[in-house]
Amino acid sequence: MLTLRTSPASPFGRKVRIAAALLGLEARVAIVLADTGDPADSLRQQNPLGKIPALIAEDGEAIFDSRVIVEYLDGLAGGGRLFPADLAARIPVLTLQALADGIADAAVLQVYERRMREPAERSAKWVDYQAGKVTRALAALESKPPEAGATHVGAIALACTLGYLDLRFAGEWRTGHPKLVAWLDAFAAAVPAFAATHYSA
């Protein structure tokens, strides 16, 4: 049995869970919640960075981060399912994953700024810097959305990122991004695991 250390709200953990479902590996992955803020949590021994998600393989080896975990799972399932084998097709998929993960990173940093710092210590300049990344990336994606029906790793990452923006930023991204809204609706309809991994605080 594989063990996934994550939290329900993590867009990166959700990406791994959806990937496992699409690959038919869901039954082989046990979900064990991790608390990144708890020094006593074994996560810090499993991943020295103390970040989620981390996958504990059957031989006890820890695999991280989400990009590496998803590629590992794809390999377990025979390869070429979530990552195109052809280089010309693979690079755009990996680039989309990087863009989606970058949006999620910037969004998480904004959430942590509010959560970890007292109001007087918060940096509006820092928050604006991270928010600018999200704004520019969403504009780029709206101008050229992913192909409808895609279930590769880039599409999974983007869906999870947009879901995180719904969760932590009240879905404000939806205003002004109708193509992305339609794309996410189509992804959710095609991938039942998206609804199955939904989390509401």
C-alpha atoms as a PDB file:
ATOM      1  CA  MET A   1       0.000   0.000   0.000  1.00  0.00           C
ATOM      2  CA  LEU A   2       1.159   3.518  -0.850  1.00  0.00           C
ATOM      3  CA  THR A   3       0.644   6.259   1.729  1.00  0.00           C
ATOM      4  CA  LEU A   4      -0.130   9.825   0.720  1.00  0.00           C
ATOM      5  CA  ARG A   5       0.600  12.468   3.352  1.00  0.00           C
ATOM      6  CA  THR A   6      -1.519  15.502   2.548  1.00  0.00           C
ATOM      7  CA  SER A   7      -4.368  17.714   3.728  1.00  0.00           C
ATOM      8  CA  PRO A   8      -7.866  17.999   2.242  1.00  0.00           C
ATOM      9  CA  ALA A   9      -7.427  21.634   1.170  1.00  0.00           C
ATOM     10  CA  SER A  10      -4.100  21.208  -0.633  1.00  0.00           C
ATOM     11  CA  PRO A  11      -4.382  21.702  -4.407  1.00  0.00           C
ATOM     12  CA  PHE A  12      -1.189  19.702  -4.808  1.00  0.00           C
ATOM     13  CA  GLY A  13      -2.476  16.789  -2.757  1.00  0.00           C
ATOM     14  CA  ARG A  14      -5.725  16.927  -4.694  1.00  0.00           C
ATOM     15  CA  LYS A  15      -3.751  16.712  -7.937  1.00  0.00           C
ATOM     16  CA  VAL A  16      -2.166  13.460  -6.749  1.00  0.00           C
ATOM     17  CA  ARG A  17      -5.491  12.019  -5.622  1.00  0.00           C
ATOM     18  CA  ILE A  18      -7.171  12.766  -8.956  1.00  0.00           C
ATOM     19  CA  ALA A  19      -4.201  11.344 -10.838  1.00  0.00           C
ATOM     20  CA  ALA A  20      -4.388   8.144  -8.800  1.00  0.00           C
ATOM     21  CA  ALA A  21      -8.092   7.833  -9.570  1.00  0.00           C
ATOM     22  CA  LEU A  22      -7.599   8.381 -13.308  1.00  0.00           C
ATOM     23  CA  LEU A  23      -4.812   5.802 -13.329  1.00  0.00           C
ATOM     24  CA  GLY A  24      -6.878   3.193 -11.506  1.00  0.00           C
ATOM     25  CA  LEU A  25      -4.548   3.290  -8.502  1.00  0.00           C
ATOM     26  CA  GLU A  26      -6.910   4.880  -5.995  1.00  0.00           C
ATOM     27  CA  ALA A  27      -7.370   1.651  -4.031  1.00  0.00           C
ATOM     28  CA  ARG A  28      -3.604   1.355  -3.594  1.00  0.00           C
ATOM     29  CA  VAL A  29      -3.212   4.794  -1.990  1.00  0.00           C
ATOM     30  CA  ALA A  30      -4.020   5.330   1.683  1.00  0.00           C
ATOM     31  CA  ILE A  31      -4.584   8.955   2.684  1.00  0.00           C
ATOM     32  CA  VAL A  32      -2.937   9.952   5.969  1.00  0.00           C
ATOM     33  CA  LEU A  33      -3.454  13.562   6.995  1.00  0.00           C
ATOM     34  CA  ALA A  34      -0.393  15.686   7.695  1.00  0.00           C
ATOM     35  CA  ASP A  35      -0.051  18.853   9.761  1.00  0.00           C
ATOM     36  CA  THR A  36       2.698  21.002   8.260  1.00  0.00           C
ATOM     37  CA  GLY A  37       2.631  23.277  11.300  1.00  0.00           C
ATOM     38  CA  ASP A  38       3.240  20.519  13.840  1.00  0.00           C
ATOM     39  CA  PRO A  39       6.951  19.879  14.532  1.00  0.00           C
ATOM     40  CA  ALA A  40       6.044  16.454  15.927  1.00  0.00           C
ATOM     41  CA  ASP A  41       4.347  15.313  12.729  1.00  0.00           C
ATOM     42  CA  SER A  42       6.359  12.573  11.016  1.00  0.00           C
ATOM     43  CA  LEU A  43       6.011  14.505   7.763  1.00  0.00           C
ATOM     44  CA  ARG A  44       9.218  16.370   8.610  1.00  0.00           C
ATOM     45  CA  GLN A  45      11.107  13.082   8.667  1.00  0.00           C
ATOM     46  CA  GLN A  46       9.437  11.871   5.485  1.00  0.00           C
ATOM     47  CA  ASN A  47      10.065  15.140   3.634  1.00  0.00           C
ATOM     48  CA  PRO A  48      12.791  17.326   5.180  1.00  0.00           C
ATOM     49  CA  LEU A  49      11.075  20.364   3.646  1.00  0.00           C
ATOM     50  CA  GLY A  50       8.007  19.629   5.761  1.00  0.00           C
ATOM     51  CA  LYS A  51       5.761  20.147   2.745  1.00  0.00           C
ATOM     52  CA  ILE A  52       2.809  18.249   1.343  1.00  0.00           C
ATOM     53  CA  PRO A  53       2.104  16.104  -0.465  1.00  0.00           C
ATOM     54  CA  ALA A  54       4.581  13.323   0.184  1.00  0.00           C
ATOM     55  CA  LEU A  55       4.048   9.776  -1.013  1.00  0.00           C
ATOM     56  CA  ILE A  56       5.500   6.903   0.991  1.00  0.00           C
ATOM     57  CA  ALA A  57       6.219   4.043  -1.367  1.00  0.00           C
ATOM     58  CA  GLU A  58       5.794   0.402  -0.402  1.00  0.00           C
ATOM     59  CA  ASP A  59       9.524   0.134   0.331  1.00  0.00           C
ATOM     60  CA  GLY A  60       9.295   3.093   2.726  1.00  0.00           C
ATOM     61  CA  GLU A  61      10.951   5.580   0.371  1.00  0.00           C
ATOM     62  CA  ALA A  62       9.425   9.071   0.449  1.00  0.00           C
ATOM     63  CA  ILE A  63       8.620  10.723  -2.892  1.00  0.00           C
ATOM     64  CA  PHE A  64       7.888  14.443  -3.261  1.00  0.00           C
ATOM     65  CA  ASP A  65       6.682  16.922  -4.565  1.00  0.00           C
ATOM     66  CA  SER A  66       3.365  16.521  -6.422  1.00  0.00           C
ATOM     67  CA  ARG A  67       5.010  16.697  -9.851  1.00  0.00           C
ATOM     68  CA  VAL A  68       7.334  13.818  -9.016  1.00  0.00           C
ATOM     69  CA  ILE A  69       4.591  11.813  -7.308  1.00  0.00           C
ATOM     70  CA  VAL A  70       2.252  12.047 -10.292  1.00  0.00           C
ATOM     71  CA  GLU A  71       4.997  10.969 -12.661  1.00  0.00           C
ATOM     72  CA  TYR A  72       5.790   8.038 -10.353  1.00  0.00           C
ATOM     73  CA  LEU A  73       2.131   6.982 -10.316  1.00  0.00           C
ATOM     74  CA  ASP A  74       1.934   7.277 -14.094  1.00  0.00           C
ATOM     75  CA  GLY A  75       4.927   4.962 -14.322  1.00  0.00           C
ATOM     76  CA  LEU A  76       3.301   2.464 -11.957  1.00  0.00           C
ATOM     77  CA  ALA A  77       0.278   2.422 -14.255  1.00  0.00           C
ATOM     78  CA  GLY A  78       2.404   1.640 -17.287  1.00  0.00           C
ATOM     79  CA  GLY A  79       3.425   5.131 -18.366  1.00  0.00           C
ATOM     80  CA  GLY A  80       2.145   7.527 -20.993  1.00  0.00           C
ATOM     81  CA  ARG A  81      -1.277   7.994 -19.428  1.00  0.00           C
ATOM     82  CA  LEU A  82      -0.905  11.467 -17.924  1.00  0.00           C
ATOM     83  CA  PHE A  83       2.341  12.450 -19.643  1.00  0.00           C
ATOM     84  CA  PRO A  84       2.472  12.287 -23.454  1.00  0.00           C
ATOM     85  CA  ALA A  85       5.399  10.229 -24.691  1.00  0.00           C
ATOM     86  CA  ASP A  86       5.980  12.453 -27.713  1.00  0.00           C
ATOM     87  CA  LEU A  87       8.241  15.375 -26.805  1.00  0.00           C
ATOM     88  CA  ALA A  88       6.326  17.905 -28.901  1.00  0.00           C
ATOM     89  CA  ALA A  89       3.112  17.028 -27.050  1.00  0.00           C
ATOM     90  CA  ARG A  90       4.764  16.529 -23.657  1.00  0.00           C
ATOM     91  CA  ILE A  91       6.375  19.958 -23.262  1.00  0.00           C
ATOM     92  CA  PRO A  92       3.119  21.980 -23.508  1.00  0.00           C
ATOM     93  CA  VAL A  93       1.542  19.655 -20.937  1.00  0.00           C
ATOM     94  CA  LEU A  94       4.462  20.107 -18.544  1.00  0.00           C
ATOM     95  CA  THR A  95       4.423  23.860 -19.136  1.00  0.00           C
ATOM     96  CA  LEU A  96       0.715  23.994 -18.300  1.00  0.00           C
ATOM     97  CA  GLN A  97       1.412  22.037 -15.114  1.00  0.00           C
ATOM     98  CA  ALA A  98       4.168  24.509 -14.198  1.00  0.00           C
ATOM     99  CA  LEU A  99       1.856  27.474 -14.817  1.00  0.00           C
ATOM    100  CA  ALA A 100      -0.987  25.953 -12.813  1.00  0.00           C
ATOM    101  CA  ASP A 101       1.333  24.990  -9.954  1.00  0.00           C
ATOM    102  CA  GLY A 102       2.782  28.504 -10.006  1.00  0.00           C
ATOM    103  CA  ILE A 103      -0.679  29.998  -9.588  1.00  0.00           C
ATOM    104  CA  ALA A 104      -1.337  27.649  -6.693  1.00  0.00           C
ATOM    105  CA  ASP A 105       2.001  28.514  -5.078  1.00  0.00           C
ATOM    106  CA  ALA A 106       1.241  32.237  -5.308  1.00  0.00           C
ATOM    107  CA  ALA A 107      -2.253  31.724  -3.930  1.00  0.00           C
ATOM    108  CA  VAL A 108      -1.008  29.598  -1.022  1.00  0.00           C
ATOM    109  CA  LEU A 109       1.586  32.257  -0.151  1.00  0.00           C
ATOM    110  CA  GLN A 110      -1.169  34.866   0.058  1.00  0.00           C
ATOM    111  CA  VAL A 111      -3.180  32.619   2.359  1.00  0.00           C
ATOM    112  CA  TYR A 112      -0.136  31.979   4.554  1.00  0.00           C
ATOM    113  CA  GLU A 113       0.617  35.688   4.785  1.00  0.00           C
ATOM    114  CA  ARG A 114      -2.818  36.203   6.310  1.00  0.00           C
ATOM    115  CA  ARG A 115      -2.701  33.073   8.436  1.00  0.00           C
ATOM    116  CA  MET A 116       0.848  33.240   9.814  1.00  0.00           C
ATOM    117  CA  ARG A 117       1.341  36.961  10.403  1.00  0.00           C
ATOM    118  CA  GLU A 118      -0.406  39.398  12.677  1.00  0.00           C
ATOM    119  CA  PRO A 119      -2.252  42.154  10.755  1.00  0.00           C
ATOM    120  CA  ALA A 120       0.394  44.776  11.595  1.00  0.00           C
ATOM    121  CA  GLU A 121       3.158  42.508  10.251  1.00  0.00           C
ATOM    122  CA  ARG A 122       1.569  41.688   6.918  1.00  0.00           C
ATOM    123  CA  SER A 123       3.130  43.052   3.752  1.00  0.00           C
ATOM    124  CA  ALA A 124       0.636  44.435   1.261  1.00  0.00           C
ATOM    125  CA  LYS A 125       3.476  44.712  -1.249  1.00  0.00           C
ATOM    126  CA  TRP A 126       4.223  40.994  -0.918  1.00  0.00           C
ATOM    127  CA  VAL A 127       0.554  40.037  -1.271  1.00  0.00           C
ATOM    128  CA  ASP A 128       0.194  42.255  -4.346  1.00  0.00           C
ATOM    129  CA  TYR A 129       3.314  40.683  -5.850  1.00  0.00           C
ATOM    130  CA  GLN A 130       1.843  37.189  -5.471  1.00  0.00           C
ATOM    131  CA  ALA A 131      -1.604  38.306  -6.634  1.00  0.00           C
ATOM    132  CA  GLY A 132      -0.036  39.756  -9.767  1.00  0.00           C
ATOM    133  CA  LYS A 133       1.300  36.329 -10.700  1.00  0.00           C
ATOM    134  CA  VAL A 134      -2.190  34.874 -10.408  1.00  0.00           C
ATOM    135  CA  THR A 135      -3.769  37.687 -12.421  1.00  0.00           C
ATOM    136  CA  ARG A 136      -1.265  37.432 -15.283  1.00  0.00           C
ATOM    137  CA  ALA A 137      -1.401  33.648 -15.430  1.00  0.00           C
ATOM    138  CA  LEU A 138      -5.195  33.538 -15.457  1.00  0.00           C
ATOM    139  CA  ALA A 139      -5.267  36.131 -18.235  1.00  0.00           C
ATOM    140  CA  ALA A 140      -2.866  34.023 -20.289  1.00  0.00           C
ATOM    141  CA  LEU A 141      -4.973  30.909 -19.738  1.00  0.00           C
ATOM    142  CA  GLU A 142      -8.199  32.729 -20.574  1.00  0.00           C
ATOM    143  CA  SER A 143      -6.716  33.850 -23.866  1.00  0.00           C
ATOM    144  CA  LYS A 144      -5.714  30.280 -24.697  1.00  0.00           C
ATOM    145  CA  PRO A 145      -7.505  27.697 -22.537  1.00  0.00           C
ATOM    146  CA  PRO A 146      -6.420  24.046 -22.559  1.00  0.00           C
ATOM    147  CA  GLU A 147      -8.174  21.740 -24.982  1.00  0.00           C
ATOM    148  CA  ALA A 148     -11.562  20.517 -23.840  1.00  0.00           C
ATOM    149  CA  GLY A 149     -11.633  16.992 -22.505  1.00  0.00           C
ATOM    150  CA  ALA A 150      -7.950  16.866 -21.586  1.00  0.00           C
ATOM    151  CA  THR A 151      -7.084  14.710 -18.579  1.00  0.00           C
ATOM    152  CA  HIS A 152      -3.297  14.935 -18.715  1.00  0.00           C
ATOM    153  CA  VAL A 153      -1.242  16.189 -15.779  1.00  0.00           C
ATOM    154  CA  GLY A 154      -1.450  19.817 -16.907  1.00  0.00           C
ATOM    155  CA  ALA A 155      -5.236  19.721 -16.992  1.00  0.00           C
ATOM    156  CA  ILE A 156      -5.397  18.026 -13.589  1.00  0.00           C
ATOM    157  CA  ALA A 157      -3.092  20.651 -12.080  1.00  0.00           C
ATOM    158  CA  LEU A 158      -5.120  23.516 -13.528  1.00  0.00           C
ATOM    159  CA  ALA A 159      -8.431  22.108 -12.318  1.00  0.00           C
ATOM    160  CA  CYS A 160      -7.058  21.696  -8.794  1.00  0.00           C
ATOM    161  CA  THR A 161      -5.642  25.216  -8.818  1.00  0.00           C
ATOM    162  CA  LEU A 162      -8.934  26.748  -9.923  1.00  0.00           C
ATOM    163  CA  GLY A 163     -10.662  24.695  -7.247  1.00  0.00           C
ATOM    164  CA  TYR A 164      -8.267  26.136  -4.673  1.00  0.00           C
ATOM    165  CA  LEU A 165      -9.062  29.666  -5.833  1.00  0.00           C
ATOM    166  CA  ASP A 166     -12.740  28.814  -5.358  1.00  0.00           C
ATOM    167  CA  LEU A 167     -12.012  27.565  -1.854  1.00  0.00           C
ATOM    168  CA  ARG A 168      -9.714  30.275  -0.522  1.00  0.00           C
ATOM    169  CA  PHE A 169     -10.625  33.299  -2.660  1.00  0.00           C
ATOM    170  CA  ALA A 170     -14.402  32.849  -2.931  1.00  0.00           C
ATOM    171  CA  GLY A 171     -14.251  32.101  -6.646  1.00  0.00           C
ATOM    172  CA  GLU A 172     -13.365  35.687  -7.530  1.00  0.00           C
ATOM    173  CA  TRP A 173     -11.309  34.386 -10.484  1.00  0.00           C
ATOM    174  CA  ARG A 174     -14.522  33.404 -12.264  1.00  0.00           C
ATOM    175  CA  THR A 175     -15.392  37.017 -13.041  1.00  0.00           C
ATOM    176  CA  GLY A 176     -13.755  37.898 -16.335  1.00  0.00           C
ATOM    177  CA  HIS A 177     -12.670  34.335 -17.170  1.00  0.00           C
ATOM    178  CA  PRO A 178     -15.690  32.699 -18.846  1.00  0.00           C
ATOM    179  CA  LYS A 179     -13.590  30.389 -21.022  1.00  0.00           C
ATOM    180  CA  LEU A 180     -11.783  29.009 -17.985  1.00  0.00           C
ATOM    181  CA  VAL A 181     -15.078  28.586 -16.129  1.00  0.00           C
ATOM    182  CA  ALA A 182     -16.476  26.591 -19.056  1.00  0.00           C
ATOM    183  CA  TRP A 183     -13.275  24.565 -19.260  1.00  0.00           C
ATOM    184  CA  LEU A 184     -13.415  23.693 -15.541  1.00  0.00           C
ATOM    185  CA  ASP A 185     -17.084  22.722 -15.785  1.00  0.00           C
ATOM    186  CA  ALA A 186     -16.229  20.343 -18.642  1.00  0.00           C
ATOM    187  CA  PHE A 187     -13.301  18.869 -16.718  1.00  0.00           C
ATOM    188  CA  ALA A 188     -15.474  18.302 -13.645  1.00  0.00           C
ATOM    189  CA  ALA A 189     -18.112  16.574 -15.770  1.00  0.00           C
ATOM    190  CA  ALA A 190     -15.534  14.282 -17.371  1.00  0.00           C
ATOM    191  CA  VAL A 191     -13.556  13.467 -14.202  1.00  0.00           C
ATOM    192  CA  PRO A 192     -15.714  12.274 -11.280  1.00  0.00           C
ATOM    193  CA  ALA A 193     -12.663  12.343  -9.002  1.00  0.00           C
ATOM    194  CA  PHE A 194     -12.746  16.142  -9.144  1.00  0.00           C
ATOM    195  CA  ALA A 195     -16.073  16.240  -7.271  1.00  0.00           C
ATOM    196  CA  ALA A 196     -15.023  13.306  -5.078  1.00  0.00           C
ATOM    197  CA  THR A 197     -11.989  15.244  -3.819  1.00  0.00           C
ATOM    198  CA  HIS A 198     -13.862  18.505  -3.265  1.00  0.00           C
ATOM    199  CA  TYR A 199     -13.215  20.118   0.100  1.00  0.00           C
ATOM    200  CA  SER A 200     -15.113  22.981   1.705  1.00  0.00           C
ATOM    201  CA  ALA A 201     -13.811  24.633   4.854  1.00  0.00           C
END
